[in-house]
N, C-alpha and C. Protein backbone atom coordinates (compact mmCIF):
# COMPACT_ATOMS: atom_id res chain seq x y z
N UNK A 1 35.41 87.16 112.43
CA UNK A 1 34.62 86.18 111.87
C UNK A 1 33.99 85.23 112.97
N UNK A 2 34.79 85.04 114.02
CA UNK A 2 34.32 84.13 114.97
C UNK A 2 32.86 84.58 115.64
N UNK A 3 32.89 85.83 115.79
CA UNK A 3 31.68 86.43 116.54
C UNK A 3 30.59 86.88 115.45
N UNK A 4 30.82 86.61 114.04
CA UNK A 4 29.87 86.94 113.11
C UNK A 4 29.77 88.27 112.41
N UNK A 5 30.79 89.19 112.89
CA UNK A 5 30.79 90.59 112.31
C UNK A 5 31.36 90.54 110.92
N UNK A 6 32.07 89.59 110.47
CA UNK A 6 32.70 89.33 109.18
C UNK A 6 32.29 87.92 108.85
N UNK A 7 32.26 87.53 107.58
CA UNK A 7 32.05 86.30 106.93
C UNK A 7 33.33 85.86 106.38
N UNK A 8 33.77 84.56 106.60
CA UNK A 8 34.85 84.05 105.83
C UNK A 8 34.62 83.75 104.53
N UNK A 9 35.61 83.86 103.57
CA UNK A 9 35.56 83.49 102.36
C UNK A 9 35.63 82.06 101.93
N UNK A 10 36.24 81.38 102.98
CA UNK A 10 36.44 79.98 102.87
C UNK A 10 36.43 79.34 104.27
N UNK A 11 35.96 78.09 104.35
CA UNK A 11 36.04 77.36 105.70
C UNK A 11 34.75 77.49 106.39
N UNK A 12 34.62 76.88 107.57
CA UNK A 12 33.58 77.05 108.42
C UNK A 12 33.90 77.38 109.88
N UNK A 13 33.05 77.82 110.61
CA UNK A 13 33.26 78.21 112.10
C UNK A 13 32.34 77.31 112.92
N UNK A 14 32.80 76.49 113.87
CA UNK A 14 32.03 75.64 114.57
C UNK A 14 31.94 76.08 116.05
N UNK A 15 30.90 75.79 116.76
CA UNK A 15 30.86 75.99 118.18
C UNK A 15 30.31 74.77 118.76
N UNK A 16 31.05 74.12 119.60
CA UNK A 16 30.74 72.72 120.00
C UNK A 16 30.20 71.74 118.95
N UNK A 17 31.03 71.74 117.86
CA UNK A 17 30.61 70.88 116.85
C UNK A 17 29.52 71.33 115.84
N UNK A 18 28.81 72.46 116.07
CA UNK A 18 27.79 72.92 115.36
C UNK A 18 28.18 74.03 114.29
N UNK A 19 27.93 73.89 113.05
CA UNK A 19 28.37 75.01 112.12
C UNK A 19 27.59 76.21 112.37
N UNK A 20 28.43 77.29 112.78
CA UNK A 20 27.66 78.64 113.05
C UNK A 20 28.07 79.47 112.05
N UNK A 21 28.68 79.11 110.91
CA UNK A 21 29.24 80.18 109.97
C UNK A 21 28.40 81.14 109.41
N UNK A 22 26.98 80.79 109.23
CA UNK A 22 26.19 81.92 108.79
C UNK A 22 25.22 82.45 109.83
N UNK A 23 25.48 82.20 111.11
CA UNK A 23 24.75 82.83 112.16
C UNK A 23 24.96 84.11 112.35
N UNK A 24 24.05 84.98 112.65
CA UNK A 24 24.19 86.30 113.06
C UNK A 24 25.03 86.65 114.34
N UNK A 25 25.58 87.70 114.42
CA UNK A 25 26.19 87.88 115.83
C UNK A 25 25.28 87.78 117.03
N UNK A 26 23.87 88.23 116.84
CA UNK A 26 23.00 87.88 118.05
C UNK A 26 22.80 86.41 118.24
N UNK A 27 22.63 85.71 117.24
CA UNK A 27 22.42 84.31 117.45
C UNK A 27 23.55 83.67 118.10
N UNK A 28 24.84 84.07 117.74
CA UNK A 28 25.96 83.54 118.46
C UNK A 28 26.09 84.01 119.88
N UNK A 29 25.72 85.24 120.12
CA UNK A 29 25.68 85.60 121.63
C UNK A 29 24.62 84.89 122.35
N UNK A 30 23.58 84.74 121.69
CA UNK A 30 22.58 83.75 122.49
C UNK A 30 23.04 82.38 122.72
N UNK A 31 23.86 82.01 121.84
CA UNK A 31 24.37 80.57 122.08
C UNK A 31 25.61 80.49 122.97
N UNK A 32 26.00 81.57 123.50
CA UNK A 32 27.09 81.68 124.39
C UNK A 32 28.41 82.07 124.04
N UNK A 33 28.50 82.84 122.95
CA UNK A 33 29.64 83.38 122.34
C UNK A 33 29.80 84.89 122.67
N UNK A 34 30.69 85.38 123.43
CA UNK A 34 30.85 86.77 123.73
C UNK A 34 32.17 87.32 123.35
N UNK A 35 32.29 88.55 123.13
CA UNK A 35 33.61 89.20 122.65
C UNK A 35 33.88 90.55 123.42
N UNK A 36 35.14 91.07 123.53
CA UNK A 36 35.35 92.27 123.77
C UNK A 36 35.88 92.94 122.54
N UNK A 37 35.98 94.19 122.47
CA UNK A 37 36.40 94.98 121.22
C UNK A 37 37.73 95.68 121.61
N UNK A 38 38.60 95.79 120.72
CA UNK A 38 39.79 96.57 120.89
C UNK A 38 39.71 97.90 121.30
N UNK A 39 38.63 98.46 120.61
CA UNK A 39 38.41 99.95 120.94
C UNK A 39 37.18 100.25 121.53
N UNK A 40 36.96 99.81 122.85
CA UNK A 40 35.84 100.24 123.60
C UNK A 40 34.43 99.66 123.28
N UNK A 41 33.81 100.51 122.51
CA UNK A 41 32.41 100.17 122.14
C UNK A 41 31.23 100.27 123.28
N UNK A 42 31.77 101.00 124.48
CA UNK A 42 30.65 101.17 125.30
C UNK A 42 29.67 102.31 124.90
N UNK A 43 28.69 102.34 125.82
CA UNK A 43 27.63 103.36 125.57
C UNK A 43 28.17 104.61 126.38
N UNK A 44 28.88 105.46 125.88
CA UNK A 44 29.56 106.62 126.47
C UNK A 44 28.61 107.46 127.41
N UNK A 45 27.24 107.52 127.05
CA UNK A 45 26.27 108.41 127.89
C UNK A 45 25.71 107.62 129.10
N UNK A 46 25.83 106.20 129.09
CA UNK A 46 25.36 105.33 130.19
C UNK A 46 26.50 105.26 131.22
N UNK A 47 26.02 104.90 132.46
CA UNK A 47 27.03 104.77 133.39
C UNK A 47 27.62 103.33 133.29
N UNK A 48 28.75 103.12 134.18
CA UNK A 48 29.24 101.76 134.03
C UNK A 48 28.35 100.72 134.27
N UNK A 49 27.57 100.72 135.31
CA UNK A 49 26.52 99.73 135.73
C UNK A 49 25.55 99.68 134.64
N UNK A 50 25.13 100.67 134.03
CA UNK A 50 24.02 100.63 132.96
C UNK A 50 24.50 99.87 131.66
N UNK A 51 25.86 100.23 131.44
CA UNK A 51 26.64 99.36 130.26
C UNK A 51 26.48 97.98 130.41
N UNK A 52 26.77 97.60 131.71
CA UNK A 52 26.78 96.07 132.02
C UNK A 52 25.43 95.46 131.97
N UNK A 53 24.40 96.25 132.54
CA UNK A 53 23.05 95.85 132.50
C UNK A 53 22.50 95.75 131.01
N UNK A 54 22.81 96.64 130.24
CA UNK A 54 22.36 96.63 128.74
C UNK A 54 22.91 95.28 128.01
N UNK A 55 24.21 94.90 128.40
CA UNK A 55 24.67 93.77 127.68
C UNK A 55 23.73 92.60 128.18
N UNK A 56 23.44 92.37 129.45
CA UNK A 56 22.67 91.38 129.84
C UNK A 56 21.21 91.36 129.41
N UNK A 57 20.71 92.55 129.25
CA UNK A 57 19.39 92.64 128.68
C UNK A 57 19.31 92.27 127.12
N UNK A 58 20.54 92.55 126.68
CA UNK A 58 20.69 92.15 125.16
C UNK A 58 20.53 90.60 124.80
N UNK A 59 20.76 89.83 125.77
CA UNK A 59 20.45 88.41 125.67
C UNK A 59 19.24 87.92 126.32
N UNK A 60 18.36 88.99 126.51
CA UNK A 60 17.00 88.57 127.10
C UNK A 60 16.84 88.33 128.51
N UNK A 61 17.89 88.83 129.24
CA UNK A 61 17.65 88.56 130.87
C UNK A 61 16.70 89.68 131.21
N UNK A 62 16.26 89.31 132.33
CA UNK A 62 15.14 90.34 132.93
C UNK A 62 15.98 91.46 133.54
N UNK A 63 15.32 92.57 133.83
CA UNK A 63 16.00 93.62 134.50
C UNK A 63 16.61 93.32 135.79
N UNK A 64 15.86 92.52 136.48
CA UNK A 64 16.46 92.14 137.95
C UNK A 64 17.59 91.23 137.73
N UNK A 65 17.75 90.27 136.70
CA UNK A 65 18.92 89.49 136.61
C UNK A 65 20.09 90.33 136.12
N UNK A 66 19.62 91.32 135.18
CA UNK A 66 20.65 92.23 134.68
C UNK A 66 21.33 92.97 135.65
N UNK A 67 20.60 93.54 136.67
CA UNK A 67 21.07 94.34 137.72
C UNK A 67 21.94 93.52 138.64
N UNK A 68 21.62 92.28 138.91
CA UNK A 68 22.28 91.32 139.85
C UNK A 68 23.68 90.95 139.18
N UNK A 69 23.44 90.58 137.94
CA UNK A 69 24.77 90.36 137.11
C UNK A 69 25.73 91.42 137.07
N UNK A 70 25.27 92.82 137.00
CA UNK A 70 25.95 93.87 137.01
C UNK A 70 26.77 94.02 138.29
N UNK A 71 25.91 93.87 139.40
CA UNK A 71 26.55 93.98 140.75
C UNK A 71 27.75 93.01 140.92
N UNK A 72 27.49 91.78 140.36
CA UNK A 72 28.47 90.75 140.52
C UNK A 72 29.73 90.96 139.85
N UNK A 73 29.53 91.50 138.62
CA UNK A 73 30.80 91.87 137.80
C UNK A 73 31.42 93.17 138.12
N UNK A 74 30.72 94.01 138.78
CA UNK A 74 31.34 95.34 139.27
C UNK A 74 32.38 94.79 140.32
N UNK A 75 31.99 93.84 141.25
CA UNK A 75 32.86 93.26 142.34
C UNK A 75 33.91 92.52 141.77
N UNK A 76 33.53 91.57 140.80
CA UNK A 76 34.64 90.74 140.21
C UNK A 76 35.80 91.56 139.62
N UNK A 77 35.51 92.54 138.92
CA UNK A 77 36.42 93.24 138.04
C UNK A 77 36.82 94.58 138.79
N UNK A 78 36.52 94.76 140.06
CA UNK A 78 36.87 95.89 140.89
C UNK A 78 36.61 97.12 140.28
N UNK A 79 35.32 97.23 139.62
CA UNK A 79 34.71 98.41 139.21
C UNK A 79 33.66 99.16 140.03
N UNK A 80 33.65 98.82 141.21
CA UNK A 80 32.46 99.32 142.22
C UNK A 80 32.73 100.91 142.24
N UNK A 81 33.80 101.35 142.19
CA UNK A 81 34.12 102.95 142.45
C UNK A 81 33.61 103.71 141.28
N UNK A 82 33.50 102.90 140.12
CA UNK A 82 33.13 103.64 138.86
C UNK A 82 31.58 103.31 138.44
N UNK A 83 31.01 102.54 139.18
CA UNK A 83 29.63 101.89 138.88
C UNK A 83 28.65 103.14 138.45
N UNK A 84 28.60 104.26 138.99
CA UNK A 84 27.58 105.45 138.60
C UNK A 84 28.31 106.34 137.82
N UNK A 85 29.53 106.27 137.43
CA UNK A 85 30.26 107.08 136.65
C UNK A 85 29.92 106.92 135.15
N UNK A 86 29.70 107.90 134.29
CA UNK A 86 29.64 107.71 132.88
C UNK A 86 30.70 107.03 132.23
N UNK A 87 30.47 106.05 131.27
CA UNK A 87 31.55 105.29 130.67
C UNK A 87 32.58 106.17 129.90
N UNK A 88 32.00 107.35 129.47
CA UNK A 88 32.88 108.25 128.69
C UNK A 88 34.02 108.81 129.51
N UNK A 89 33.80 108.93 130.76
CA UNK A 89 35.00 109.46 131.70
C UNK A 89 35.99 108.39 132.33
N UNK A 90 35.87 107.08 131.86
CA UNK A 90 36.69 106.06 132.65
C UNK A 90 38.16 106.20 132.27
N UNK A 91 39.02 105.98 133.27
CA UNK A 91 40.44 105.85 132.94
C UNK A 91 40.48 104.59 132.07
N UNK A 92 41.69 104.50 131.35
CA UNK A 92 41.71 103.53 130.21
C UNK A 92 41.73 101.97 130.85
N UNK A 93 42.33 101.72 131.94
CA UNK A 93 42.34 100.39 132.54
C UNK A 93 40.93 100.05 132.86
N UNK A 94 40.15 100.95 133.57
CA UNK A 94 38.77 100.80 133.90
C UNK A 94 37.95 100.52 132.56
N UNK A 95 38.18 101.24 131.59
CA UNK A 95 37.54 101.05 130.35
C UNK A 95 37.72 99.74 129.75
N UNK A 96 38.95 99.19 129.83
CA UNK A 96 39.22 97.80 129.51
C UNK A 96 38.29 96.75 130.25
N UNK A 97 38.36 96.98 131.58
CA UNK A 97 37.54 96.03 132.45
C UNK A 97 36.07 96.21 132.14
N UNK A 98 35.53 97.38 131.82
CA UNK A 98 34.21 97.52 131.33
C UNK A 98 33.92 96.65 130.27
N UNK A 99 34.64 96.61 129.20
CA UNK A 99 34.64 95.70 128.11
C UNK A 99 34.44 94.26 128.51
N UNK A 100 35.31 93.82 129.30
CA UNK A 100 35.08 92.51 129.87
C UNK A 100 33.98 92.23 130.66
N UNK A 101 33.53 93.16 131.36
CA UNK A 101 32.26 92.96 132.18
C UNK A 101 30.98 92.96 131.37
N UNK A 102 30.96 93.81 130.17
CA UNK A 102 29.92 93.80 129.23
C UNK A 102 29.78 92.34 128.52
N UNK A 103 30.97 91.74 128.23
CA UNK A 103 30.98 90.48 127.60
C UNK A 103 30.51 89.50 128.63
N UNK A 104 30.94 89.53 129.79
CA UNK A 104 30.52 88.42 130.78
C UNK A 104 29.00 88.55 131.13
N UNK A 105 28.56 89.78 131.12
CA UNK A 105 27.18 90.02 131.41
C UNK A 105 26.18 89.20 130.61
N UNK A 106 26.69 88.61 129.48
CA UNK A 106 25.85 87.93 128.56
C UNK A 106 25.91 86.27 129.02
N UNK A 107 26.57 86.11 130.09
CA UNK A 107 26.69 84.70 130.59
C UNK A 107 27.15 83.82 129.47
N UNK A 108 28.36 84.15 128.85
CA UNK A 108 28.82 83.31 127.83
C UNK A 108 29.53 81.98 128.08
N UNK A 109 29.47 81.13 127.33
CA UNK A 109 30.24 79.83 127.61
C UNK A 109 31.66 80.06 127.02
N UNK A 110 31.92 80.99 126.05
CA UNK A 110 33.21 81.22 125.37
C UNK A 110 33.30 82.78 125.34
N UNK A 111 34.32 83.31 125.64
CA UNK A 111 34.55 84.75 125.39
C UNK A 111 35.89 84.89 124.64
N UNK A 112 35.82 85.79 123.62
CA UNK A 112 36.88 86.30 122.89
C UNK A 112 37.33 87.65 123.22
N UNK A 113 38.67 87.70 123.77
CA UNK A 113 39.11 88.92 124.32
C UNK A 113 40.11 89.70 123.29
N UNK A 114 39.72 90.60 122.53
CA UNK A 114 40.39 91.20 121.39
C UNK A 114 41.35 92.30 122.07
N UNK A 115 42.58 92.11 122.17
CA UNK A 115 43.61 93.00 122.60
C UNK A 115 43.22 93.54 123.98
N UNK A 116 42.72 92.89 124.97
CA UNK A 116 42.20 93.46 126.13
C UNK A 116 43.23 94.26 126.88
N UNK A 117 44.57 94.03 126.78
CA UNK A 117 45.51 94.73 127.61
C UNK A 117 46.18 95.82 126.82
N UNK A 118 45.73 96.18 125.61
CA UNK A 118 46.27 97.22 124.82
C UNK A 118 46.29 98.52 125.58
N UNK A 119 47.39 99.15 125.62
CA UNK A 119 47.63 100.45 126.34
C UNK A 119 47.71 100.54 127.93
N UNK A 120 47.68 99.18 128.43
CA UNK A 120 47.80 99.02 129.88
C UNK A 120 49.40 99.04 130.22
N UNK A 121 49.74 99.62 131.22
CA UNK A 121 51.19 99.62 131.78
C UNK A 121 51.40 98.22 132.23
N UNK A 122 52.69 97.89 132.56
CA UNK A 122 52.99 96.52 133.11
C UNK A 122 52.38 96.08 134.36
N UNK A 123 52.07 96.90 135.24
CA UNK A 123 51.23 96.59 136.58
C UNK A 123 49.77 96.36 136.16
N UNK A 124 49.32 97.16 135.33
CA UNK A 124 47.95 96.98 134.91
C UNK A 124 47.75 95.73 134.18
N UNK A 125 48.56 95.42 133.25
CA UNK A 125 48.66 94.15 132.46
C UNK A 125 48.67 92.85 133.32
N UNK A 126 49.53 92.99 134.54
CA UNK A 126 49.71 91.93 135.35
C UNK A 126 48.43 91.65 136.11
N UNK A 127 47.66 92.82 136.68
CA UNK A 127 46.49 92.64 137.16
C UNK A 127 45.48 92.09 136.25
N UNK A 128 45.49 92.46 135.03
CA UNK A 128 44.56 91.88 133.97
C UNK A 128 44.75 90.48 133.68
N UNK A 129 46.05 89.94 133.88
CA UNK A 129 46.24 88.49 133.66
C UNK A 129 45.51 87.79 134.77
N UNK A 130 45.40 88.30 135.91
CA UNK A 130 44.70 87.69 137.09
C UNK A 130 43.05 87.67 136.72
N UNK A 131 42.64 88.72 136.21
CA UNK A 131 41.22 88.79 135.68
C UNK A 131 40.99 87.71 134.54
N UNK A 132 41.84 87.51 133.68
CA UNK A 132 41.67 86.52 132.64
C UNK A 132 41.68 85.08 133.18
N UNK A 133 42.60 84.84 134.16
CA UNK A 133 42.63 83.54 134.88
C UNK A 133 41.27 83.30 135.52
N UNK A 134 40.67 84.36 136.28
CA UNK A 134 39.45 84.09 137.04
C UNK A 134 38.19 83.85 136.05
N UNK A 135 38.31 84.54 134.91
CA UNK A 135 37.26 84.36 133.94
C UNK A 135 37.24 82.86 133.47
N UNK A 136 38.45 82.58 133.11
CA UNK A 136 38.59 81.15 132.58
C UNK A 136 38.27 80.00 133.58
N UNK A 137 38.58 80.44 134.90
CA UNK A 137 38.24 79.33 135.94
C UNK A 137 36.88 79.40 136.36
N UNK A 138 36.17 80.64 136.53
CA UNK A 138 35.07 80.79 137.28
C UNK A 138 33.86 81.07 136.43
N UNK A 139 34.06 81.53 135.07
CA UNK A 139 33.01 82.16 134.44
C UNK A 139 32.65 81.72 132.94
N UNK A 140 33.62 80.82 132.48
CA UNK A 140 33.46 80.44 130.99
C UNK A 140 34.03 79.10 130.94
N UNK A 141 33.57 78.34 129.77
CA UNK A 141 34.33 77.03 129.50
C UNK A 141 35.67 77.48 128.67
N UNK A 142 35.76 78.52 128.07
CA UNK A 142 36.94 78.94 127.37
C UNK A 142 37.15 80.37 127.21
N UNK A 143 38.38 80.66 127.00
CA UNK A 143 38.68 82.17 126.69
C UNK A 143 39.61 82.15 125.47
N UNK A 144 39.27 82.91 124.48
CA UNK A 144 40.25 83.06 123.29
C UNK A 144 40.66 84.50 123.42
N UNK A 145 42.14 84.50 123.49
CA UNK A 145 42.79 85.83 123.82
C UNK A 145 43.60 86.10 122.44
N UNK A 146 43.33 87.28 121.89
CA UNK A 146 44.02 87.83 120.86
C UNK A 146 44.76 89.00 121.28
N UNK A 147 46.10 88.81 121.24
CA UNK A 147 46.96 89.81 121.88
C UNK A 147 48.39 89.81 121.25
N UNK A 148 48.94 91.00 121.27
CA UNK A 148 50.36 91.11 120.84
C UNK A 148 51.29 91.32 122.12
N UNK A 149 50.67 91.33 123.43
CA UNK A 149 51.47 91.33 124.49
C UNK A 149 51.98 89.88 124.74
N UNK A 150 53.13 89.71 124.35
CA UNK A 150 53.73 88.30 124.37
C UNK A 150 53.78 87.81 125.91
N UNK A 151 54.13 88.71 126.78
CA UNK A 151 54.27 88.32 128.23
C UNK A 151 52.91 87.87 128.67
N UNK A 152 52.00 88.61 128.38
CA UNK A 152 50.64 88.31 128.79
C UNK A 152 50.10 86.93 128.19
N UNK A 153 50.27 86.74 126.90
CA UNK A 153 49.86 85.60 126.23
C UNK A 153 50.56 84.30 126.91
N UNK A 154 51.99 84.41 127.11
CA UNK A 154 52.81 83.29 127.67
C UNK A 154 52.34 83.05 129.15
N UNK A 155 51.81 84.15 129.90
CA UNK A 155 51.37 83.90 131.33
C UNK A 155 50.08 83.34 131.47
N UNK A 156 49.08 83.56 130.57
CA UNK A 156 47.77 83.07 130.83
C UNK A 156 47.27 81.93 129.89
N UNK A 157 48.04 81.82 128.88
CA UNK A 157 47.43 80.71 127.82
C UNK A 157 47.87 79.46 127.86
N UNK A 158 47.10 78.47 127.89
CA UNK A 158 47.36 77.14 128.03
C UNK A 158 47.94 76.53 126.58
N UNK A 159 47.28 76.99 125.54
CA UNK A 159 47.69 76.75 124.18
C UNK A 159 47.69 78.00 123.34
N UNK A 160 48.71 78.03 122.58
CA UNK A 160 48.92 79.34 121.86
C UNK A 160 49.07 79.00 120.41
N UNK A 161 48.42 79.87 119.68
CA UNK A 161 48.67 79.82 118.19
C UNK A 161 49.31 81.05 117.76
N UNK A 162 50.41 81.02 117.01
CA UNK A 162 51.15 82.21 116.58
C UNK A 162 50.84 82.42 115.05
N UNK A 163 50.22 83.57 114.69
CA UNK A 163 50.15 83.89 113.40
C UNK A 163 51.26 84.92 112.92
N UNK A 164 51.68 84.79 111.74
CA UNK A 164 52.42 85.73 110.98
C UNK A 164 52.06 86.09 109.60
N UNK A 165 51.70 87.35 109.38
CA UNK A 165 51.10 87.69 108.03
C UNK A 165 49.87 86.80 107.76
N UNK A 166 49.10 86.61 108.72
CA UNK A 166 47.75 85.80 108.48
C UNK A 166 47.94 84.42 108.45
N UNK A 167 49.19 83.87 108.58
CA UNK A 167 49.31 82.39 108.30
C UNK A 167 49.83 81.83 109.76
N UNK A 168 49.44 80.51 109.96
CA UNK A 168 49.89 79.87 111.33
C UNK A 168 51.23 79.57 111.22
N UNK A 169 52.06 80.30 112.14
CA UNK A 169 53.52 80.01 112.14
C UNK A 169 53.76 78.85 113.11
N UNK A 170 53.13 78.67 114.26
CA UNK A 170 53.59 77.76 115.19
C UNK A 170 52.20 77.68 116.19
N UNK A 171 52.18 76.45 116.77
CA UNK A 171 51.35 76.35 117.93
C UNK A 171 51.92 75.50 118.91
N UNK A 172 51.54 75.70 120.32
CA UNK A 172 51.98 74.97 121.31
C UNK A 172 51.91 75.59 122.66
N UNK A 173 52.54 75.11 123.75
CA UNK A 173 52.58 75.72 125.01
C UNK A 173 53.59 76.90 124.98
N UNK A 174 53.44 77.65 126.06
CA UNK A 174 54.34 78.89 126.04
C UNK A 174 55.78 78.34 126.18
N UNK A 175 56.18 77.24 126.84
CA UNK A 175 57.49 76.81 126.84
C UNK A 175 58.05 76.37 125.39
N UNK A 176 56.97 75.72 124.72
CA UNK A 176 57.51 75.21 123.29
C UNK A 176 57.61 76.24 122.43
N UNK A 177 56.79 77.38 122.58
CA UNK A 177 56.93 78.49 121.71
C UNK A 177 58.23 79.40 121.90
N UNK A 178 58.45 79.38 123.30
CA UNK A 178 59.77 80.09 123.70
C UNK A 178 61.02 79.55 123.13
N UNK A 179 61.01 78.27 122.71
CA UNK A 179 62.06 77.52 122.27
C UNK A 179 62.05 77.42 120.68
N UNK A 180 60.98 77.97 120.11
CA UNK A 180 60.68 77.84 118.58
C UNK A 180 61.44 79.01 117.78
N UNK A 181 62.41 78.61 117.03
CA UNK A 181 63.35 79.57 116.39
C UNK A 181 62.37 80.51 115.40
N UNK A 182 61.46 80.02 114.81
CA UNK A 182 60.65 80.99 113.92
C UNK A 182 59.78 81.88 114.64
N UNK A 183 59.30 81.58 115.86
CA UNK A 183 58.63 82.36 116.85
C UNK A 183 59.60 83.48 117.31
N UNK A 184 60.69 82.91 117.76
CA UNK A 184 61.71 83.91 118.37
C UNK A 184 62.11 85.05 117.34
N UNK A 185 62.36 84.53 116.17
CA UNK A 185 62.76 85.53 115.07
C UNK A 185 61.55 86.51 114.72
N UNK A 186 60.24 85.93 114.64
CA UNK A 186 59.11 86.82 114.24
C UNK A 186 58.65 87.74 115.36
N UNK A 187 58.62 87.35 116.65
CA UNK A 187 57.96 88.14 117.63
C UNK A 187 58.93 88.59 118.75
N UNK A 188 59.93 87.84 118.85
CA UNK A 188 60.81 88.23 120.07
C UNK A 188 62.19 88.94 119.57
N UNK A 189 62.39 89.02 118.19
CA UNK A 189 63.56 89.67 117.75
C UNK A 189 64.75 88.94 117.75
N UNK A 190 64.71 87.56 117.96
CA UNK A 190 65.97 86.84 118.04
C UNK A 190 66.01 85.93 116.61
N UNK A 191 67.32 85.73 116.21
CA UNK A 191 67.46 84.83 115.20
C UNK A 191 68.21 85.47 114.11
């Protein structure tokens, strides 16, 4: 709903105080809202570099800017060794990073990361945490992370909203939620 792929049945969605509930995904992207997808969505027949460039072109950047942005993101996300490889042949961790690169190629103000560490091992997830921190610090005004990896969420998020069966269960900092008995029972198996 945040990125416009689905419409809410009730309520509104705002971006910097402006109601964007009925905006198309393209309009939201042009306004600075980007997202990754839980299941890839890269162009399998294009190279990693081309996938990143296409994302920049999608928000009306020139081919020169798209190429420059791709080069920057390949370096930022340590994807240089895969730059000329088709997206279809990427290892899982690199595929996840490509999704982030495609989102960042649109030069977003806010980026929604949908289960970006799904399927990553502990070492890869720890490296991904560093990527999320760099994105938040150097490339966007904000990151919204949707994840079931509690360690990752507690590690990188300043403010956490815990949902249970589609309802808000609790909100707070990692320390506050670690001490919340309802969160412990629902997600950490305590209680």
